[in-house]
């Protein structure tokens, strides 16, 4: 998923993603999209949804993905 797509999802969302209970990232530590997302958008998500949890798992040599849990 590109950074621009993430920007549109988060910044244009009027529901503030309150139905999400947990976000799990499976990515390499060098992945710039994930590091930028963690730096800029996680605080905004946490501000709107205090109960959301985040987990980061190294995915070296595996498929990178983001899993959203209700």
PDB file of N, CA and C in Angstrom:
ATOM      1  N   UNK A   1       0.844  -1.163   0.000  1.00  0.00           N
ATOM      2  CA  UNK A   1       0.000   0.000   0.000  1.00  0.00           C
ATOM      3  C   UNK A   1       0.896   1.235   0.000  1.00  0.00           C
ATOM      4  N   UNK A   2       0.549   2.190  -0.808  1.00  0.00           N
ATOM      5  CA  UNK A   2       1.381   3.386  -0.925  1.00  0.00           C
ATOM      6  C   UNK A   2       1.056   4.393   0.176  1.00  0.00           C
ATOM      7  N   UNK A   3       1.976   5.303   0.403  1.00  0.00           N
ATOM      8  CA  UNK A   3       1.786   6.347   1.410  1.00  0.00           C
ATOM      9  C   UNK A   3       0.599   7.231   1.041  1.00  0.00           C
ATOM     10  N   UNK A   4       0.417   7.520  -0.241  1.00  0.00           N
ATOM     11  CA  UNK A   4      -0.688   8.374  -0.672  1.00  0.00           C
ATOM     12  C   UNK A   4      -2.037   7.717  -0.394  1.00  0.00           C
ATOM     13  N   UNK A   5      -2.091   6.416  -0.568  1.00  0.00           N
ATOM     14  CA  UNK A   5      -3.338   5.706  -0.287  1.00  0.00           C
ATOM     15  C   UNK A   5      -3.647   5.727   1.210  1.00  0.00           C
ATOM     16  N   UNK A   6      -2.615   5.551   2.031  1.00  0.00           N
ATOM     17  CA  UNK A   6      -2.794   5.620   3.480  1.00  0.00           C
ATOM     18  C   UNK A   6      -3.250   7.018   3.883  1.00  0.00           C
ATOM     19  N   UNK A   7      -2.655   8.045   3.277  1.00  0.00           N
ATOM     20  CA  UNK A   7      -3.074   9.427   3.553  1.00  0.00           C
ATOM     21  C   UNK A   7      -4.561   9.613   3.273  1.00  0.00           C
ATOM     22  N   UNK A   8      -5.029   9.130   2.134  1.00  0.00           N
ATOM     23  CA  UNK A   8      -6.434   9.285   1.773  1.00  0.00           C
ATOM     24  C   UNK A   8      -7.342   8.547   2.746  1.00  0.00           C
ATOM     25  N   UNK A   9      -6.963   7.350   3.115  1.00  0.00           N
ATOM     26  CA  UNK A   9      -7.794   6.565   4.028  1.00  0.00           C
ATOM     27  C   UNK A   9      -7.935   7.266   5.369  1.00  0.00           C
ATOM     28  N   UNK A  10      -6.825   7.706   5.931  1.00  0.00           N
ATOM     29  CA  UNK A  10      -6.855   8.288   7.271  1.00  0.00           C
ATOM     30  C   UNK A  10      -7.361   9.719   7.303  1.00  0.00           C
ATOM     31  N   UNK A  11      -6.911  10.525   6.378  1.00  0.00           N
ATOM     32  CA  UNK A  11      -7.274  11.933   6.418  1.00  0.00           C
ATOM     33  C   UNK A  11      -8.682  12.199   5.907  1.00  0.00           C
ATOM     34  N   UNK A  12      -9.209  11.333   5.049  1.00  0.00           N
ATOM     35  CA  UNK A  12     -10.552  11.529   4.512  1.00  0.00           C
ATOM     36  C   UNK A  12     -11.603  10.722   5.268  1.00  0.00           C
ATOM     37  N   UNK A  13     -11.182   9.936   6.217  1.00  0.00           N
ATOM     38  CA  UNK A  13     -12.101   9.095   6.969  1.00  0.00           C
ATOM     39  C   UNK A  13     -12.873   9.927   7.983  1.00  0.00           C
ATOM     40  N   UNK A  14     -14.196   9.845   7.919  1.00  0.00           N
ATOM     41  CA  UNK A  14     -15.028  10.576   8.870  1.00  0.00           C
ATOM     42  C   UNK A  14     -15.429   9.690  10.045  1.00  0.00           C
ATOM     43  N   UNK A  15     -15.211   8.390   9.946  1.00  0.00           N
ATOM     44  CA  UNK A  15     -15.596   7.477  11.026  1.00  0.00           C
ATOM     45  C   UNK A  15     -14.479   7.305  12.037  1.00  0.00           C
ATOM     46  N   UNK A  16     -13.335   7.842  11.785  1.00  0.00           N
ATOM     47  CA  UNK A  16     -12.172   7.824  12.665  1.00  0.00           C
ATOM     48  C   UNK A  16     -11.703   6.411  13.005  1.00  0.00           C
ATOM     49  N   UNK A  17     -12.105   5.448  12.219  1.00  0.00           N
ATOM     50  CA  UNK A  17     -11.653   4.062  12.339  1.00  0.00           C
ATOM     51  C   UNK A  17     -11.843   3.513  13.748  1.00  0.00           C
ATOM     52  N   UNK A  18     -12.971   3.823  14.392  1.00  0.00           N
ATOM     53  CA  UNK A  18     -13.233   3.360  15.755  1.00  0.00           C
ATOM     54  C   UNK A  18     -13.544   1.872  15.815  1.00  0.00           C
ATOM     55  N   UNK A  19     -13.880   1.254  14.696  1.00  0.00           N
ATOM     56  CA  UNK A  19     -14.187  -0.171  14.702  1.00  0.00           C
ATOM     57  C   UNK A  19     -12.932  -1.035  14.724  1.00  0.00           C
ATOM     58  N   UNK A  20     -11.769  -0.430  14.584  1.00  0.00           N
ATOM     59  CA  UNK A  20     -10.517  -1.185  14.601  1.00  0.00           C
ATOM     60  C   UNK A  20     -10.042  -1.310  16.038  1.00  0.00           C
ATOM     61  N   UNK A  21      -9.785  -2.555  16.469  1.00  0.00           N
ATOM     62  CA  UNK A  21      -9.313  -2.798  17.825  1.00  0.00           C
ATOM     63  C   UNK A  21      -7.823  -3.017  17.913  1.00  0.00           C
ATOM     64  N   UNK A  22      -7.238  -3.518  16.812  1.00  0.00           N
ATOM     65  CA  UNK A  22      -5.807  -3.813  16.829  1.00  0.00           C
ATOM     66  C   UNK A  22      -5.257  -3.724  15.411  1.00  0.00           C
ATOM     67  N   UNK A  23      -4.043  -3.222  15.296  1.00  0.00           N
ATOM     68  CA  UNK A  23      -3.339  -3.147  14.015  1.00  0.00           C
ATOM     69  C   UNK A  23      -2.012  -3.870  14.188  1.00  0.00           C
ATOM     70  N   UNK A  24      -1.751  -4.848  13.330  1.00  0.00           N
ATOM     71  CA  UNK A  24      -0.485  -5.583  13.363  1.00  0.00           C
ATOM     72  C   UNK A  24       0.275  -5.326  12.073  1.00  0.00           C
ATOM     73  N   UNK A  25       1.526  -4.934  12.215  1.00  0.00           N
ATOM     74  CA  UNK A  25       2.401  -4.689  11.079  1.00  0.00           C
ATOM     75  C   UNK A  25       3.400  -5.828  10.985  1.00  0.00           C
ATOM     76  N   UNK A  26       3.486  -6.449   9.826  1.00  0.00           N
ATOM     77  CA  UNK A  26       4.506  -7.445   9.525  1.00  0.00           C
ATOM     78  C   UNK A  26       5.353  -6.848   8.408  1.00  0.00           C
ATOM     79  N   UNK A  27       6.505  -6.303   8.765  1.00  0.00           N
ATOM     80  CA  UNK A  27       7.318  -5.594   7.776  1.00  0.00           C
ATOM     81  C   UNK A  27       8.782  -5.607   8.183  1.00  0.00           C
ATOM     82  N   UNK A  28       9.630  -5.350   7.200  1.00  0.00           N
ATOM     83  CA  UNK A  28      11.064  -5.210   7.485  1.00  0.00           C
ATOM     84  C   UNK A  28      11.296  -3.920   8.259  1.00  0.00           C
ATOM     85  N   UNK A  29      12.327  -3.900   9.061  1.00  0.00           N
ATOM     86  CA  UNK A  29      12.660  -2.702   9.839  1.00  0.00           C
ATOM     87  C   UNK A  29      13.050  -1.539   8.930  1.00  0.00           C
ATOM     88  N   UNK A  30      13.531  -1.839   7.728  1.00  0.00           N
ATOM     89  CA  UNK A  30      13.968  -0.795   6.800  1.00  0.00           C
ATOM     90  C   UNK A  30      12.835  -0.257   5.922  1.00  0.00           C
ATOM     91  N   UNK A  31      11.618  -0.724   6.105  1.00  0.00           N
ATOM     92  CA  UNK A  31      10.485  -0.293   5.287  1.00  0.00           C
ATOM     93  C   UNK A  31      10.114   1.148   5.634  1.00  0.00           C
ATOM     94  N   UNK A  32      10.305   2.068   4.693  1.00  0.00           N
ATOM     95  CA  UNK A  32      10.076   3.497   4.935  1.00  0.00           C
ATOM     96  C   UNK A  32       8.586   3.828   5.085  1.00  0.00           C
ATOM     97  N   UNK A  33       7.721   3.117   4.379  1.00  0.00           N
ATOM     98  CA  UNK A  33       6.288   3.390   4.478  1.00  0.00           C
ATOM     99  C   UNK A  33       5.802   3.105   5.898  1.00  0.00           C
ATOM    100  N   UNK A  34       6.227   1.978   6.446  1.00  0.00           N
ATOM    101  CA  UNK A  34       5.809   1.617   7.803  1.00  0.00           C
ATOM    102  C   UNK A  34       6.396   2.577   8.826  1.00  0.00           C
ATOM    103  N   UNK A  35       7.655   2.938   8.675  1.00  0.00           N
ATOM    104  CA  UNK A  35       8.260   3.866   9.642  1.00  0.00           C
ATOM    105  C   UNK A  35       7.613   5.250   9.565  1.00  0.00           C
ATOM    106  N   UNK A  36       7.286   5.718   8.364  1.00  0.00           N
ATOM    107  CA  UNK A  36       6.585   6.998   8.227  1.00  0.00           C
ATOM    108  C   UNK A  36       5.179   6.922   8.822  1.00  0.00           C
ATOM    109  N   UNK A  37       4.499   5.810   8.580  1.00  0.00           N
ATOM    110  CA  UNK A  37       3.162   5.616   9.141  1.00  0.00           C
ATOM    111  C   UNK A  37       3.214   5.650  10.662  1.00  0.00           C
ATOM    112  N   UNK A  38       4.183   4.960  11.251  1.00  0.00           N
ATOM    113  CA  UNK A  38       4.331   4.939  12.709  1.00  0.00           C
ATOM    114  C   UNK A  38       4.621   6.333  13.254  1.00  0.00           C
ATOM    115  N   UNK A  39       5.417   7.103  12.550  1.00  0.00           N
ATOM    116  CA  UNK A  39       5.803   8.428  13.037  1.00  0.00           C
ATOM    117  C   UNK A  39       4.682   9.462  12.912  1.00  0.00           C
ATOM    118  N   UNK A  40       3.903   9.403  11.841  1.00  0.00           N
ATOM    119  CA  UNK A  40       2.946  10.465  11.570  1.00  0.00           C
ATOM    120  C   UNK A  40       1.488  10.100  11.840  1.00  0.00           C
ATOM    121  N   UNK A  41       1.078   8.863  11.555  1.00  0.00           N
ATOM    122  CA  UNK A  41      -0.335   8.530  11.619  1.00  0.00           C
ATOM    123  C   UNK A  41      -0.755   7.749  12.855  1.00  0.00           C
ATOM    124  N   UNK A  42       0.137   7.005  13.470  1.00  0.00           N
ATOM    125  CA  UNK A  42      -0.247   6.288  14.680  1.00  0.00           C
ATOM    126  C   UNK A  42      -0.691   7.226  15.795  1.00  0.00           C
ATOM    127  N   UNK A  43      -0.006   8.339  16.022  1.00  0.00           N
ATOM    128  CA  UNK A  43      -0.504   9.258  17.059  1.00  0.00           C
ATOM    129  C   UNK A  43      -1.918   9.777  16.766  1.00  0.00           C
ATOM    130  N   UNK A  44      -2.227  10.029  15.487  1.00  0.00           N
ATOM    131  CA  UNK A  44      -3.554  10.503  15.124  1.00  0.00           C
ATOM    132  C   UNK A  44      -4.601   9.421  15.360  1.00  0.00           C
ATOM    133  N   UNK A  45      -4.288   8.183  15.006  1.00  0.00           N
ATOM    134  CA  UNK A  45      -5.215   7.085  15.255  1.00  0.00           C
ATOM    135  C   UNK A  45      -5.451   6.903  16.748  1.00  0.00           C
ATOM    136  N   UNK A  46      -4.388   6.965  17.516  1.00  0.00           N
ATOM    137  CA  UNK A  46      -4.488   6.796  18.967  1.00  0.00           C
ATOM    138  C   UNK A  46      -5.299   7.934  19.590  1.00  0.00           C
ATOM    139  N   UNK A  47      -5.211   9.123  19.057  1.00  0.00           N
ATOM    140  CA  UNK A  47      -5.968  10.267  19.560  1.00  0.00           C
ATOM    141  C   UNK A  47      -7.471  10.052  19.381  1.00  0.00           C
ATOM    142  N   UNK A  48      -7.876   9.513  18.238  1.00  0.00           N
ATOM    143  CA  UNK A  48      -9.294   9.302  17.949  1.00  0.00           C
ATOM    144  C   UNK A  48      -9.828   7.998  18.521  1.00  0.00           C
ATOM    145  N   UNK A  49      -8.964   7.028  18.757  1.00  0.00           N
ATOM    146  CA  UNK A  49      -9.396   5.714  19.234  1.00  0.00           C
ATOM    147  C   UNK A  49      -8.419   5.264  20.320  1.00  0.00           C
ATOM    148  N   UNK A  50      -8.742   5.583  21.571  1.00  0.00           N
ATOM    149  CA  UNK A  50      -7.828   5.313  22.683  1.00  0.00           C
ATOM    150  C   UNK A  50      -7.586   3.828  22.924  1.00  0.00           C
ATOM    151  N   UNK A  51      -8.535   2.980  22.552  1.00  0.00           N
ATOM    152  CA  UNK A  51      -8.418   1.554  22.863  1.00  0.00           C
ATOM    153  C   UNK A  51      -7.674   0.746  21.801  1.00  0.00           C
ATOM    154  N   UNK A  52      -7.286   1.366  20.708  1.00  0.00           N
ATOM    155  CA  UNK A  52      -6.607   0.623  19.644  1.00  0.00           C
ATOM    156  C   UNK A  52      -5.208   0.199  20.101  1.00  0.00           C
ATOM    157  N   UNK A  53      -4.842  -1.039  19.752  1.00  0.00           N
ATOM    158  CA  UNK A  53      -3.526  -1.579  20.086  1.00  0.00           C
ATOM    159  C   UNK A  53      -2.716  -1.735  18.806  1.00  0.00           C
ATOM    160  N   UNK A  54      -1.392  -1.639  18.943  1.00  0.00           N
ATOM    161  CA  UNK A  54      -0.503  -1.777  17.799  1.00  0.00           C
ATOM    162  C   UNK A  54       0.562  -2.807  18.113  1.00  0.00           C
ATOM    163  N   UNK A  55       0.908  -3.618  17.116  1.00  0.00           N
ATOM    164  CA  UNK A  55       1.972  -4.607  17.272  1.00  0.00           C
ATOM    165  C   UNK A  55       2.828  -4.586  16.008  1.00  0.00           C
ATOM    166  N   UNK A  56       4.137  -4.687  16.206  1.00  0.00           N
ATOM    167  CA  UNK A  56       5.081  -4.683  15.091  1.00  0.00           C
ATOM    168  C   UNK A  56       5.886  -5.975  15.126  1.00  0.00           C
ATOM    169  N   UNK A  57       5.875  -6.687  14.012  1.00  0.00           N
ATOM    170  CA  UNK A  57       6.573  -7.959  13.906  1.00  0.00           C
ATOM    171  C   UNK A  57       7.567  -7.883  12.751  1.00  0.00           C
ATOM    172  N   UNK A  58       8.821  -8.264  12.973  1.00  0.00           N
ATOM    173  CA  UNK A  58       9.780  -8.272  11.860  1.00  0.00           C
ATOM    174  C   UNK A  58       9.398  -9.341  10.841  1.00  0.00           C
ATOM    175  N   UNK A  59       9.450  -8.988   9.578  1.00  0.00           N
ATOM    176  CA  UNK A  59       9.062  -9.903   8.505  1.00  0.00           C
ATOM    177  C   UNK A  59      10.208 -10.076   7.522  1.00  0.00           C
ATOM    178  N   UNK A  60      11.407 -10.253   8.022  1.00  0.00           N
ATOM    179  CA  UNK A  60      12.561 -10.437   7.143  1.00  0.00           C
ATOM    180  C   UNK A  60      12.427 -11.749   6.379  1.00  0.00           C
ATOM    181  N   UNK A  61      12.399 -11.644   5.070  1.00  0.00           N
ATOM    182  CA  UNK A  61      12.278 -12.816   4.220  1.00  0.00           C
ATOM    183  C   UNK A  61      10.859 -13.328   4.081  1.00  0.00           C
ATOM    184  N   UNK A  62       9.887 -12.641   4.648  1.00  0.00           N
ATOM    185  CA  UNK A  62       8.490 -13.049   4.560  1.00  0.00           C
ATOM    186  C   UNK A  62       7.693 -11.964   3.846  1.00  0.00           C
ATOM    187  N   UNK A  63       6.435 -12.281   3.584  1.00  0.00           N
ATOM    188  CA  UNK A  63       5.551 -11.311   2.944  1.00  0.00           C
ATOM    189  C   UNK A  63       5.211 -10.192   3.930  1.00  0.00           C
ATOM    190  N   UNK A  64       5.325  -8.950   3.492  1.00  0.00           N
ATOM    191  CA  UNK A  64       4.966  -7.814   4.330  1.00  0.00           C
ATOM    192  C   UNK A  64       3.462  -7.569   4.221  1.00  0.00           C
ATOM    193  N   UNK A  65       2.848  -7.269   5.365  1.00  0.00           N
ATOM    194  CA  UNK A  65       1.409  -7.026   5.361  1.00  0.00           C
ATOM    195  C   UNK A  65       1.010  -6.242   6.600  1.00  0.00           C
ATOM    196  N   UNK A  66      -0.201  -5.696   6.554  1.00  0.00           N
ATOM    197  CA  UNK A  66      -0.813  -5.017   7.690  1.00  0.00           C
ATOM    198  C   UNK A  66      -2.135  -5.724   7.946  1.00  0.00           C
ATOM    199  N   UNK A  67      -2.359  -6.126   9.196  1.00  0.00           N
ATOM    200  CA  UNK A  67      -3.579  -6.833   9.568  1.00  0.00           C
ATOM    201  C   UNK A  67      -4.378  -5.938  10.510  1.00  0.00           C
ATOM    202  N   UNK A  68      -5.647  -5.688  10.160  1.00  0.00           N
ATOM    203  CA  UNK A  68      -6.549  -4.894  10.995  1.00  0.00           C
ATOM    204  C   UNK A  68      -7.529  -5.838  11.677  1.00  0.00           C
ATOM    205  N   UNK A  69      -7.657  -5.713  12.998  1.00  0.00           N
ATOM    206  CA  UNK A  69      -8.555  -6.560  13.787  1.00  0.00           C
ATOM    207  C   UNK A  69      -9.716  -5.725  14.323  1.00  0.00           C
ATOM    208  N   UNK A  70     -10.932  -6.271  14.300  1.00  0.00           N
ATOM    209  CA  UNK A  70     -12.086  -5.537  14.865  1.00  0.00           C
ATOM    210  C   UNK A  70     -12.057  -5.535  16.386  1.00  0.00           C
TER     211      UNK A  70
END
